[in-house]
Amino acid sequence: YRNDIPTAKPIGYFSMASLPWNKRSVAIFEAIENAHELKEDYAQHSSHFESLFLKMAHYTKKMHDAHIRHTDIVLHNFLVQENNGTEKLYLIDTDKVHYAGLSRISFLTKTFFDMHCIRRLEVHEEELAIFLKHYFGKECTPFWRNVLAFWSKKSR
């Protein structure tokens, strides 16, 4: 929310624990009105999907560059809100988000962690190539597509 990645605005948070190792935490967020999952646009072959998918890649890269990891980057964790002909993309399910203090590691190691976060992205190979090209920019090579393909098979 604070890193200019559209998410539902946090309203409150509380934790309860009868024992230190049995902690239950709840975060409450504002509702995102008139929204649907990005997965629906993909399933319906929407003409807007590619531009929304590029936004998804942009937000994912922005999170990773800020050393923030969302360990469940999938289409249904992004909501599309339509308002007066424009569409805004929101990241949801942020309980899986954590700070990963990886600022002092090499580009190669950091990128392996990045690919591990997006391994569950279930789209056709063409869309995956578009995502990676937008995510990596000039550094996009077939090597990273192979890394992602390897991890994707392992995670299913």
N, C-alpha and C. Protein backbone atom coordinates (compact mmCIF):
# COMPACT_ATOMS: atom_id res chain seq x y z
N TYR A 1 0.83 -1.20 0.00
CA TYR A 1 0.00 0.00 0.00
C TYR A 1 0.87 1.26 0.00
N ARG A 2 1.92 1.26 0.79
CA ARG A 2 2.78 2.44 0.88
C ARG A 2 3.81 2.52 -0.24
N ASN A 3 3.99 1.49 -1.01
CA ASN A 3 5.00 1.47 -2.07
C ASN A 3 4.40 1.73 -3.45
N ASP A 4 3.26 2.41 -3.48
CA ASP A 4 2.57 2.73 -4.73
C ASP A 4 2.21 1.49 -5.53
N ILE A 5 1.89 0.42 -4.85
CA ILE A 5 1.35 -0.78 -5.47
C ILE A 5 -0.09 -0.85 -4.99
N PRO A 6 -1.05 -0.71 -5.90
CA PRO A 6 -2.45 -0.66 -5.47
C PRO A 6 -2.89 -1.93 -4.75
N THR A 7 -3.28 -1.76 -3.51
CA THR A 7 -3.86 -2.83 -2.70
C THR A 7 -5.04 -2.23 -1.97
N ALA A 8 -5.82 -3.08 -1.35
CA ALA A 8 -6.90 -2.57 -0.50
C ALA A 8 -6.25 -1.85 0.68
N LYS A 9 -6.84 -0.73 1.06
CA LYS A 9 -6.28 0.05 2.16
C LYS A 9 -6.48 -0.69 3.49
N PRO A 10 -5.40 -0.86 4.25
CA PRO A 10 -5.55 -1.53 5.55
C PRO A 10 -6.34 -0.67 6.52
N ILE A 11 -7.25 -1.31 7.24
CA ILE A 11 -8.08 -0.59 8.21
C ILE A 11 -7.65 -0.92 9.64
N GLY A 12 -7.37 -2.19 9.89
CA GLY A 12 -6.99 -2.58 11.25
C GLY A 12 -6.32 -3.93 11.29
N TYR A 13 -5.77 -4.24 12.46
CA TYR A 13 -5.04 -5.48 12.64
C TYR A 13 -5.09 -5.85 14.12
N PHE A 14 -5.27 -7.11 14.41
CA PHE A 14 -5.16 -7.56 15.80
C PHE A 14 -4.67 -8.99 15.85
N SER A 15 -4.12 -9.35 17.01
CA SER A 15 -3.62 -10.71 17.24
C SER A 15 -4.17 -11.22 18.56
N MET A 16 -4.38 -12.52 18.60
CA MET A 16 -4.82 -13.18 19.83
C MET A 16 -3.94 -14.40 20.03
N ALA A 17 -3.62 -14.69 21.28
CA ALA A 17 -2.82 -15.89 21.54
C ALA A 17 -3.11 -16.40 22.94
N SER A 18 -3.43 -17.68 23.03
CA SER A 18 -3.55 -18.30 24.34
C SER A 18 -2.17 -18.78 24.79
N LEU A 19 -1.34 -19.11 23.82
CA LEU A 19 0.05 -19.51 24.06
C LEU A 19 0.91 -18.80 23.02
N PRO A 20 2.17 -18.50 23.32
CA PRO A 20 3.01 -17.76 22.37
C PRO A 20 3.13 -18.40 20.99
N TRP A 21 3.09 -19.70 20.90
CA TRP A 21 3.23 -20.38 19.61
C TRP A 21 1.89 -20.64 18.94
N ASN A 22 0.81 -20.22 19.56
CA ASN A 22 -0.53 -20.44 19.01
C ASN A 22 -1.20 -19.09 18.74
N LYS A 23 -0.55 -18.27 17.97
CA LYS A 23 -1.01 -16.91 17.70
C LYS A 23 -1.91 -16.87 16.47
N ARG A 24 -2.99 -16.16 16.57
CA ARG A 24 -3.90 -15.93 15.44
C ARG A 24 -3.93 -14.43 15.16
N SER A 25 -3.68 -14.08 13.92
CA SER A 25 -3.67 -12.67 13.53
C SER A 25 -4.71 -12.43 12.45
N VAL A 26 -5.30 -11.26 12.50
CA VAL A 26 -6.32 -10.89 11.51
C VAL A 26 -6.02 -9.47 11.03
N ALA A 27 -6.02 -9.30 9.73
CA ALA A 27 -5.89 -7.97 9.13
C ALA A 27 -7.19 -7.66 8.42
N ILE A 28 -7.65 -6.43 8.57
CA ILE A 28 -8.91 -6.00 7.95
C ILE A 28 -8.58 -4.92 6.93
N PHE A 29 -9.13 -5.10 5.72
CA PHE A 29 -8.88 -4.17 4.62
C PHE A 29 -10.19 -3.62 4.10
N GLU A 30 -10.11 -2.44 3.46
CA GLU A 30 -11.30 -1.89 2.82
C GLU A 30 -11.73 -2.79 1.67
N ALA A 31 -13.00 -2.75 1.35
CA ALA A 31 -13.52 -3.53 0.22
C ALA A 31 -13.17 -2.81 -1.08
N ILE A 32 -12.89 -3.57 -2.11
CA ILE A 32 -12.66 -3.00 -3.44
C ILE A 32 -13.94 -3.25 -4.22
N GLU A 33 -14.71 -2.20 -4.39
CA GLU A 33 -16.04 -2.29 -5.01
C GLU A 33 -15.94 -2.52 -6.52
N ASN A 34 -16.95 -3.18 -7.07
CA ASN A 34 -17.08 -3.40 -8.52
C ASN A 34 -15.82 -3.99 -9.13
N ALA A 35 -15.30 -5.03 -8.52
CA ALA A 35 -14.06 -5.63 -9.01
C ALA A 35 -14.25 -7.11 -9.29
N HIS A 36 -13.42 -7.62 -10.17
CA HIS A 36 -13.40 -9.06 -10.48
C HIS A 36 -11.94 -9.51 -10.58
N GLU A 37 -11.73 -10.82 -10.52
CA GLU A 37 -10.38 -11.36 -10.58
C GLU A 37 -9.80 -11.23 -11.99
N LEU A 38 -8.52 -10.97 -12.07
CA LEU A 38 -7.82 -10.91 -13.36
C LEU A 38 -7.95 -12.24 -14.10
N LYS A 39 -8.09 -13.30 -13.36
CA LYS A 39 -8.26 -14.64 -13.93
C LYS A 39 -9.47 -14.69 -14.89
N GLU A 40 -10.53 -13.93 -14.57
CA GLU A 40 -11.71 -13.88 -15.43
C GLU A 40 -11.38 -13.26 -16.79
N ASP A 41 -10.60 -12.20 -16.80
CA ASP A 41 -10.19 -11.58 -18.07
C ASP A 41 -9.38 -12.56 -18.91
N TYR A 42 -8.53 -13.32 -18.25
CA TYR A 42 -7.71 -14.32 -18.95
C TYR A 42 -8.60 -15.41 -19.54
N ALA A 43 -9.54 -15.92 -18.76
CA ALA A 43 -10.42 -17.00 -19.21
C ALA A 43 -11.32 -16.56 -20.36
N GLN A 44 -11.72 -15.29 -20.35
CA GLN A 44 -12.63 -14.78 -21.39
C GLN A 44 -11.88 -14.18 -22.58
N HIS A 45 -10.56 -14.30 -22.58
CA HIS A 45 -9.72 -13.73 -23.65
C HIS A 45 -10.04 -12.25 -23.87
N SER A 46 -10.16 -11.53 -22.78
CA SER A 46 -10.49 -10.11 -22.82
C SER A 46 -9.41 -9.33 -23.56
N SER A 47 -9.85 -8.32 -24.29
CA SER A 47 -8.90 -7.48 -25.02
C SER A 47 -8.05 -6.64 -24.07
N HIS A 48 -8.51 -6.48 -22.84
CA HIS A 48 -7.77 -5.70 -21.84
C HIS A 48 -6.73 -6.53 -21.10
N PHE A 49 -6.76 -7.85 -21.27
CA PHE A 49 -5.91 -8.71 -20.45
C PHE A 49 -4.43 -8.37 -20.59
N GLU A 50 -3.94 -8.18 -21.80
CA GLU A 50 -2.50 -7.96 -21.97
C GLU A 50 -2.02 -6.71 -21.23
N SER A 51 -2.77 -5.61 -21.32
CA SER A 51 -2.33 -4.39 -20.62
C SER A 51 -2.40 -4.59 -19.10
N LEU A 52 -3.41 -5.30 -18.62
CA LEU A 52 -3.51 -5.59 -17.18
C LEU A 52 -2.39 -6.53 -16.74
N PHE A 53 -2.07 -7.48 -17.59
CA PHE A 53 -1.01 -8.44 -17.29
C PHE A 53 0.35 -7.74 -17.21
N LEU A 54 0.56 -6.74 -18.07
CA LEU A 54 1.79 -5.96 -18.02
C LEU A 54 1.86 -5.15 -16.72
N LYS A 55 0.70 -4.63 -16.28
CA LYS A 55 0.66 -3.94 -14.98
C LYS A 55 1.02 -4.91 -13.86
N MET A 56 0.51 -6.13 -13.96
CA MET A 56 0.81 -7.15 -12.96
C MET A 56 2.32 -7.40 -12.91
N ALA A 57 2.95 -7.52 -14.06
CA ALA A 57 4.41 -7.71 -14.12
C ALA A 57 5.13 -6.50 -13.52
N HIS A 58 4.64 -5.31 -13.83
CA HIS A 58 5.24 -4.08 -13.31
C HIS A 58 5.15 -4.03 -11.78
N TYR A 59 3.98 -4.32 -11.22
CA TYR A 59 3.80 -4.30 -9.77
C TYR A 59 4.65 -5.38 -9.09
N THR A 60 4.74 -6.55 -9.71
CA THR A 60 5.55 -7.63 -9.16
C THR A 60 7.02 -7.22 -9.12
N LYS A 61 7.50 -6.66 -10.21
CA LYS A 61 8.89 -6.19 -10.28
C LYS A 61 9.14 -5.08 -9.25
N LYS A 62 8.18 -4.18 -9.12
CA LYS A 62 8.32 -3.08 -8.17
C LYS A 62 8.41 -3.61 -6.73
N MET A 63 7.59 -4.61 -6.41
CA MET A 63 7.66 -5.24 -5.08
C MET A 63 9.02 -5.88 -4.86
N HIS A 64 9.44 -6.67 -5.83
CA HIS A 64 10.71 -7.38 -5.70
C HIS A 64 11.89 -6.41 -5.60
N ASP A 65 11.84 -5.32 -6.34
CA ASP A 65 12.92 -4.33 -6.25
C ASP A 65 12.96 -3.66 -4.88
N ALA A 66 11.80 -3.61 -4.20
CA ALA A 66 11.73 -3.05 -2.84
C ALA A 66 11.97 -4.13 -1.79
N HIS A 67 12.38 -5.33 -2.23
CA HIS A 67 12.66 -6.48 -1.35
C HIS A 67 11.41 -6.94 -0.62
N ILE A 68 10.27 -6.82 -1.28
CA ILE A 68 9.00 -7.29 -0.74
C ILE A 68 8.60 -8.51 -1.55
N ARG A 69 8.23 -9.57 -0.88
CA ARG A 69 7.85 -10.81 -1.55
C ARG A 69 6.39 -11.14 -1.27
N HIS A 70 5.65 -11.40 -2.32
CA HIS A 70 4.30 -11.96 -2.23
C HIS A 70 4.46 -13.37 -2.76
N THR A 71 4.34 -14.34 -1.92
CA THR A 71 4.69 -15.70 -2.30
C THR A 71 3.59 -16.42 -3.05
N ASP A 72 2.56 -15.69 -3.47
CA ASP A 72 1.46 -16.31 -4.21
C ASP A 72 1.04 -15.41 -5.37
N ILE A 73 1.95 -15.18 -6.30
CA ILE A 73 1.66 -14.34 -7.46
C ILE A 73 0.89 -15.20 -8.47
N VAL A 74 -0.42 -15.06 -8.44
CA VAL A 74 -1.31 -15.79 -9.35
C VAL A 74 -2.39 -14.82 -9.83
N LEU A 75 -3.05 -15.17 -10.92
CA LEU A 75 -4.05 -14.27 -11.51
C LEU A 75 -5.19 -13.94 -10.56
N HIS A 76 -5.62 -14.89 -9.74
CA HIS A 76 -6.76 -14.61 -8.86
C HIS A 76 -6.39 -13.77 -7.64
N ASN A 77 -5.12 -13.41 -7.48
CA ASN A 77 -4.73 -12.49 -6.41
C ASN A 77 -4.56 -11.06 -6.91
N PHE A 78 -5.10 -10.80 -8.09
CA PHE A 78 -5.16 -9.44 -8.62
C PHE A 78 -6.61 -9.17 -9.01
N LEU A 79 -7.15 -8.06 -8.52
CA LEU A 79 -8.52 -7.67 -8.84
C LEU A 79 -8.50 -6.52 -9.84
N VAL A 80 -9.47 -6.56 -10.75
CA VAL A 80 -9.64 -5.51 -11.75
C VAL A 80 -10.88 -4.72 -11.38
N GLN A 81 -10.72 -3.44 -11.16
CA GLN A 81 -11.84 -2.57 -10.85
C GLN A 81 -12.12 -1.68 -12.05
N GLU A 82 -13.35 -1.73 -12.53
CA GLU A 82 -13.73 -0.91 -13.67
C GLU A 82 -14.46 0.33 -13.16
N ASN A 83 -14.06 1.49 -13.71
CA ASN A 83 -14.66 2.74 -13.29
C ASN A 83 -14.63 3.72 -14.45
N ASN A 84 -15.79 4.04 -14.98
CA ASN A 84 -15.92 4.99 -16.09
C ASN A 84 -15.01 4.65 -17.27
N GLY A 85 -14.97 3.39 -17.65
CA GLY A 85 -14.19 2.97 -18.81
C GLY A 85 -12.72 2.73 -18.55
N THR A 86 -12.24 3.00 -17.36
CA THR A 86 -10.84 2.71 -17.03
C THR A 86 -10.78 1.52 -16.08
N GLU A 87 -9.66 0.84 -16.13
CA GLU A 87 -9.49 -0.34 -15.28
C GLU A 87 -8.26 -0.15 -14.40
N LYS A 88 -8.44 -0.46 -13.13
CA LYS A 88 -7.34 -0.37 -12.18
C LYS A 88 -7.10 -1.76 -11.61
N LEU A 89 -5.84 -2.11 -11.46
CA LEU A 89 -5.45 -3.43 -10.98
C LEU A 89 -5.01 -3.32 -9.52
N TYR A 90 -5.52 -4.23 -8.68
CA TYR A 90 -5.19 -4.27 -7.26
C TYR A 90 -4.60 -5.62 -6.89
N LEU A 91 -3.56 -5.60 -6.08
CA LEU A 91 -2.99 -6.82 -5.51
C LEU A 91 -3.76 -7.14 -4.23
N ILE A 92 -4.19 -8.39 -4.09
CA ILE A 92 -4.90 -8.80 -2.87
C ILE A 92 -4.19 -10.00 -2.24
N ASP A 93 -4.78 -10.52 -1.21
CA ASP A 93 -4.24 -11.67 -0.48
C ASP A 93 -2.86 -11.33 0.06
N THR A 94 -2.78 -10.15 0.65
CA THR A 94 -1.48 -9.64 1.09
C THR A 94 -1.01 -10.24 2.42
N ASP A 95 -1.74 -11.20 2.94
CA ASP A 95 -1.24 -11.89 4.13
C ASP A 95 -0.01 -12.73 3.79
N LYS A 96 0.22 -12.96 2.51
CA LYS A 96 1.38 -13.74 2.08
C LYS A 96 2.57 -12.85 1.72
N VAL A 97 2.46 -11.57 2.04
CA VAL A 97 3.52 -10.62 1.72
C VAL A 97 4.46 -10.49 2.91
N HIS A 98 5.75 -10.47 2.63
CA HIS A 98 6.74 -10.27 3.68
C HIS A 98 7.96 -9.55 3.12
N TYR A 99 8.66 -8.92 4.02
CA TYR A 99 9.89 -8.24 3.65
C TYR A 99 11.01 -9.28 3.61
N ALA A 100 11.74 -9.28 2.54
CA ALA A 100 12.87 -10.21 2.40
C ALA A 100 14.12 -9.37 2.25
N GLY A 101 14.83 -9.17 3.32
CA GLY A 101 16.01 -8.31 3.32
C GLY A 101 17.14 -8.87 2.47
N LEU A 102 16.94 -8.81 1.16
CA LEU A 102 17.91 -9.41 0.24
C LEU A 102 18.73 -8.35 -0.48
N SER A 103 18.90 -7.20 0.12
CA SER A 103 19.56 -6.09 -0.59
C SER A 103 21.05 -6.32 -0.83
N ARG A 104 21.67 -7.20 -0.07
CA ARG A 104 23.12 -7.38 -0.20
C ARG A 104 23.51 -8.65 -0.94
N ILE A 105 22.57 -9.28 -1.58
CA ILE A 105 22.92 -10.49 -2.33
C ILE A 105 23.08 -10.17 -3.80
N SER A 106 23.62 -11.08 -4.53
CA SER A 106 23.89 -10.85 -5.95
C SER A 106 22.60 -10.80 -6.76
N PHE A 107 22.70 -10.20 -7.94
CA PHE A 107 21.56 -10.14 -8.86
C PHE A 107 21.06 -11.55 -9.17
N LEU A 108 21.97 -12.47 -9.39
CA LEU A 108 21.59 -13.84 -9.74
C LEU A 108 20.78 -14.50 -8.62
N THR A 109 21.26 -14.40 -7.39
CA THR A 109 20.56 -15.00 -6.26
C THR A 109 19.21 -14.34 -6.05
N LYS A 110 19.17 -13.01 -6.09
CA LYS A 110 17.91 -12.29 -5.92
C LYS A 110 16.91 -12.69 -6.99
N THR A 111 17.36 -12.84 -8.22
CA THR A 111 16.45 -13.18 -9.31
C THR A 111 15.91 -14.59 -9.16
N PHE A 112 16.70 -15.51 -8.64
CA PHE A 112 16.18 -16.85 -8.35
C PHE A 112 15.03 -16.76 -7.35
N PHE A 113 15.18 -15.95 -6.30
CA PHE A 113 14.10 -15.76 -5.33
C PHE A 113 12.88 -15.14 -6.00
N ASP A 114 13.11 -14.17 -6.89
CA ASP A 114 12.00 -13.54 -7.61
C ASP A 114 11.23 -14.56 -8.44
N MET A 115 11.95 -15.40 -9.16
CA MET A 115 11.31 -16.42 -10.00
C MET A 115 10.54 -17.43 -9.13
N HIS A 116 11.07 -17.71 -7.97
CA HIS A 116 10.38 -18.63 -7.06
C HIS A 116 9.02 -18.06 -6.65
N CYS A 117 8.93 -16.74 -6.48
CA CYS A 117 7.67 -16.11 -6.09
C CYS A 117 6.61 -16.18 -7.20
N ILE A 118 7.03 -16.14 -8.45
CA ILE A 118 6.04 -16.12 -9.53
C ILE A 118 5.88 -17.47 -10.21
N ARG A 119 6.38 -18.52 -9.59
CA ARG A 119 6.37 -19.86 -10.20
C ARG A 119 4.97 -20.42 -10.41
N ARG A 120 3.98 -19.96 -9.66
CA ARG A 120 2.63 -20.51 -9.76
C ARG A 120 1.76 -19.79 -10.78
N LEU A 121 2.33 -18.91 -11.53
CA LEU A 121 1.59 -18.16 -12.54
C LEU A 121 1.19 -19.10 -13.67
N GLU A 122 -0.11 -19.37 -13.78
CA GLU A 122 -0.59 -20.35 -14.76
C GLU A 122 -1.18 -19.64 -15.98
N VAL A 123 -0.33 -19.41 -16.96
CA VAL A 123 -0.74 -18.81 -18.22
C VAL A 123 -0.03 -19.57 -19.34
N HIS A 124 -0.45 -19.31 -20.57
CA HIS A 124 0.22 -19.95 -21.71
C HIS A 124 1.64 -19.41 -21.84
N GLU A 125 2.43 -20.15 -22.57
CA GLU A 125 3.85 -19.79 -22.74
C GLU A 125 4.03 -18.41 -23.36
N GLU A 126 3.12 -18.02 -24.27
CA GLU A 126 3.23 -16.70 -24.91
C GLU A 126 3.06 -15.59 -23.88
N GLU A 127 2.05 -15.74 -23.00
CA GLU A 127 1.82 -14.73 -21.97
C GLU A 127 2.97 -14.69 -20.98
N LEU A 128 3.50 -15.86 -20.66
CA LEU A 128 4.63 -15.92 -19.74
C LEU A 128 5.84 -15.18 -20.33
N ALA A 129 6.06 -15.35 -21.62
CA ALA A 129 7.16 -14.64 -22.29
C ALA A 129 6.94 -13.13 -22.21
N ILE A 130 5.70 -12.68 -22.39
CA ILE A 130 5.38 -11.25 -22.29
C ILE A 130 5.64 -10.75 -20.87
N PHE A 131 5.19 -11.53 -19.88
CA PHE A 131 5.39 -11.16 -18.47
C PHE A 131 6.88 -11.00 -18.18
N LEU A 132 7.68 -12.01 -18.55
CA LEU A 132 9.11 -11.98 -18.26
C LEU A 132 9.82 -10.86 -19.00
N LYS A 133 9.42 -10.60 -20.25
CA LYS A 133 10.03 -9.52 -21.03
C LYS A 133 9.77 -8.17 -20.34
N HIS A 134 8.55 -7.98 -19.86
CA HIS A 134 8.24 -6.73 -19.16
C HIS A 134 8.92 -6.68 -17.79
N TYR A 135 8.96 -7.80 -17.12
CA TYR A 135 9.56 -7.88 -15.78
C TYR A 135 11.06 -7.61 -15.84
N PHE A 136 11.76 -8.25 -16.77
CA PHE A 136 13.22 -8.13 -16.85
C PHE A 136 13.71 -6.98 -17.71
N GLY A 137 12.90 -6.55 -18.68
CA GLY A 137 13.37 -5.52 -19.60
C GLY A 137 14.52 -6.04 -20.43
N LYS A 138 15.62 -5.30 -20.47
CA LYS A 138 16.78 -5.66 -21.29
C LYS A 138 17.47 -6.94 -20.83
N GLU A 139 17.31 -7.29 -19.55
CA GLU A 139 17.97 -8.48 -19.03
C GLU A 139 17.18 -9.77 -19.26
N CYS A 140 16.11 -9.70 -20.05
CA CYS A 140 15.28 -10.89 -20.29
C CYS A 140 16.03 -11.87 -21.20
N THR A 141 16.27 -13.06 -20.67
CA THR A 141 16.95 -14.10 -21.45
C THR A 141 16.17 -15.40 -21.33
N PRO A 142 16.35 -16.33 -22.27
CA PRO A 142 15.68 -17.63 -22.18
C PRO A 142 16.02 -18.39 -20.89
N PHE A 143 17.17 -18.09 -20.31
CA PHE A 143 17.58 -18.76 -19.07
C PHE A 143 16.51 -18.62 -17.99
N TRP A 144 15.98 -17.39 -17.81
CA TRP A 144 15.00 -17.17 -16.74
C TRP A 144 13.68 -17.86 -17.05
N ARG A 145 13.32 -17.96 -18.31
CA ARG A 145 12.12 -18.71 -18.68
C ARG A 145 12.30 -20.19 -18.31
N ASN A 146 13.49 -20.72 -18.53
CA ASN A 146 13.78 -22.12 -18.16
C ASN A 146 13.76 -22.31 -16.65
N VAL A 147 14.30 -21.36 -15.91
CA VAL A 147 14.26 -21.43 -14.44
C VAL A 147 12.81 -21.46 -13.97
N LEU A 148 12.01 -20.56 -14.52
CA LEU A 148 10.60 -20.49 -14.13
C LEU A 148 9.86 -21.76 -14.52
N ALA A 149 10.14 -22.29 -15.70
CA ALA A 149 9.50 -23.54 -16.15
C ALA A 149 9.86 -24.69 -15.22
N PHE A 150 11.10 -24.75 -14.79
CA PHE A 150 11.54 -25.80 -13.86
C PHE A 150 10.78 -25.70 -12.54
N TRP A 151 10.74 -24.50 -11.97
CA TRP A 151 10.05 -24.33 -10.69
C TRP A 151 8.55 -24.52 -10.82
N SER A 152 7.98 -24.12 -11.93
CA SER A 152 6.53 -24.27 -12.13
C SER A 152 6.14 -25.74 -12.12
N LYS A 153 6.94 -26.58 -12.76
CA LYS A 153 6.65 -28.02 -12.77
C LYS A 153 6.79 -28.61 -11.38
N LYS A 154 7.76 -28.13 -10.62
CA LYS A 154 7.99 -28.64 -9.27
C LYS A 154 6.86 -28.26 -8.32
N SER A 155 6.21 -27.11 -8.55
CA SER A 155 5.22 -26.62 -7.60
C SER A 155 3.82 -27.17 -7.84
N ARG A 156 3.61 -27.88 -8.92
CA ARG A 156 2.26 -28.40 -9.22
C ARG A 156 2.07 -29.78 -8.71
